Amino acid sequence: MSLMYTKTFRFSFAAIALMAALLFTGCEEENKTPVVKVKRTYKGDVEVLNSCGMQGAAAKMRSYLRENGFDIVSSRNDRLQNYDETVLVLRNPEWEGAKALAQALKTDNVLVVHSSRAVVDAAVYIGKDFEHIIEPEQGETDDNE
């Protein structure tokens, strides 16, 4: 009878040890690495001017450009309100963010007007095409939001 008790005890001890090992090692949850969006920022000051006459265009463009890493130091209505296309005017032709700003604006309308008195590196004159600039491309979505 003691032989049978010893085998049962060994079997039970082995079963408990195996279950404990599986519990502590085999049941780990898979840790997903969080996806971090890197937002590039560009040194330099940008001014946004509503030149299309559409109410709220400067505020919308300011938000769009800030989301894309640009430092918007002022936004206001321009005295001219008849631009059909958005124009980028570079006041500082050596500014490192010029190419990225033109890409964000989806425009080739870039003028260089060097001014030693300018207080900004670039000025964005918003045209009537601004809604096509700030809207995401068709099929382009942010899956994380």
Foldseek 3Di string as FASTA:
>chain_A
DVVVVVVVVVVVVVVVVVVVCCVVPVPDDDDDDDDDDDADAFDWEEEEEQQAPDPPLQVLVVVLVVSNHYHYPYYYYDPHRHAAAKAKEFQAVPGPCVVVVCVLQVDPRYHYDHDPPDPGGMYIHHHPCRVVSSDDDVVDDDPVD
